[in-house]
Amino acid sequence: MRRLVRLAVCAPLYFLPYIASAHHSLTEWDPSVVVELEGEVVSVVWANPHVRFSVKVVNAAGEEEVWRVAGSSLAHLDRRKVPRDAVEVGDVVKVTGAPSNRRRNNMIAHTMLLADGRELMIRGMGSLGPNVGSIYSDVTVGENSDWTEVTAVPEGTGIFLPWRIGRPRGWNDRPLTAAAAEIKAQWDPRDNWVLDCEPRGMPGTMFNPYPVEFVQLDDGDILLRIEEHDNERLIHMASDFDPASQPPHRLGVSVGRWENESTLVVETSRISFGWFDQDGTPQSEDSRIVERFELNEAGDGIAYHIELTDPETFTQTVTGYANWAAVPGIDIRPFAMYCEDNFYQD
């Protein structure tokens, strides 16, 4: 059972039961508790990687305090046609979300009741968070989906389309070596690459909620454009290309080959990004990744499979897979992150 903690202006704090299905946990946020707060918006940052609000409330002791509220990304809200002036300083709003388990008075929002009575499904935890639907109003802001612009798949395009990455599966069975377990145990979530707004590296960038696109280059190489963090992976297709000729990179050095007309196999090494995930699992420079992108017969889906071998971090090969869906008509937009010191206060 989840707990609902309510904070309202000029009202005491109290607890009520909140029941929802179990979902995947994120390190920073606690999905086992749902917080509801009501108060005045005192600051707004409408940007990637998360829209952010500061909301002034009155606590159980009758004292004013400011909560930091993170929502979905600007990219998601733009695609759902949410106007950028939907929330403004001075508005009184009601917000439901998951509290931080690391930082005082921080939460990530699921949904927000706006001053005009409409509800904004802000979905800060996306598909990984509790399945919180509309709870305040029958009138919501914007579209329900990020993918309203999708058109029919053109014939003969192969993989050279924009794609939506499906939820990863089979990716959680990853036994650590003793050395890696010690590093993870000493990891400080208050001082890490996520909060420092560093772009994601390999392999994590391949399991992100934003569209990606394969582009065929004139020299035969393939560019994989990833909207999140404006990442771009160059896949070298020449049979005599030597990865050792390239400097290490956070996305690694990738070499591809066509196994058949519908299956692209990509091997990646020389990864300089030191973290496997945002939970403190390390990654060594000996990490090696093999990916398979298998296009289905209809041309509208890819079966994605990944294998990662890192003997310094894992005692066995780590594997994962996901189903990708074609989203023709979707543009890969500039991500342009905005980072603000001390927003996620202790």
Foldseek 3Di string as FASTA:
>chain_A
DAWEWEFEAVDEIDIDDDDFDDFADDQFWDLSYKYKYKAFWADWDQAPPWTKTWGWTQYRVRDIDIAIETFHHNLQCVLLVFDPVQDDGGWIKMFMFTATPQFPRYTYTQKMQTNVRAIERRHRVPPRHTPDDDDRHPHYGGHPGSQPQFDDDDPPCAQQFKKFWFAKPQQPPFAWDPVQVVQLVPDDLVDDCVLVVHFAFPPVLNRDGFIWGWDQDPVRWIWIARLGVRDIAIEAADPPDDQVVDAAEQHFHKYWYDPDPFKIKIKGASHPNQANDSSRRGADNGKIKIWMWGADPVRFKTWIKMWIDGVNTGPDIGIMITMMGGGHRDDRDHRDGDRDPCSRPD
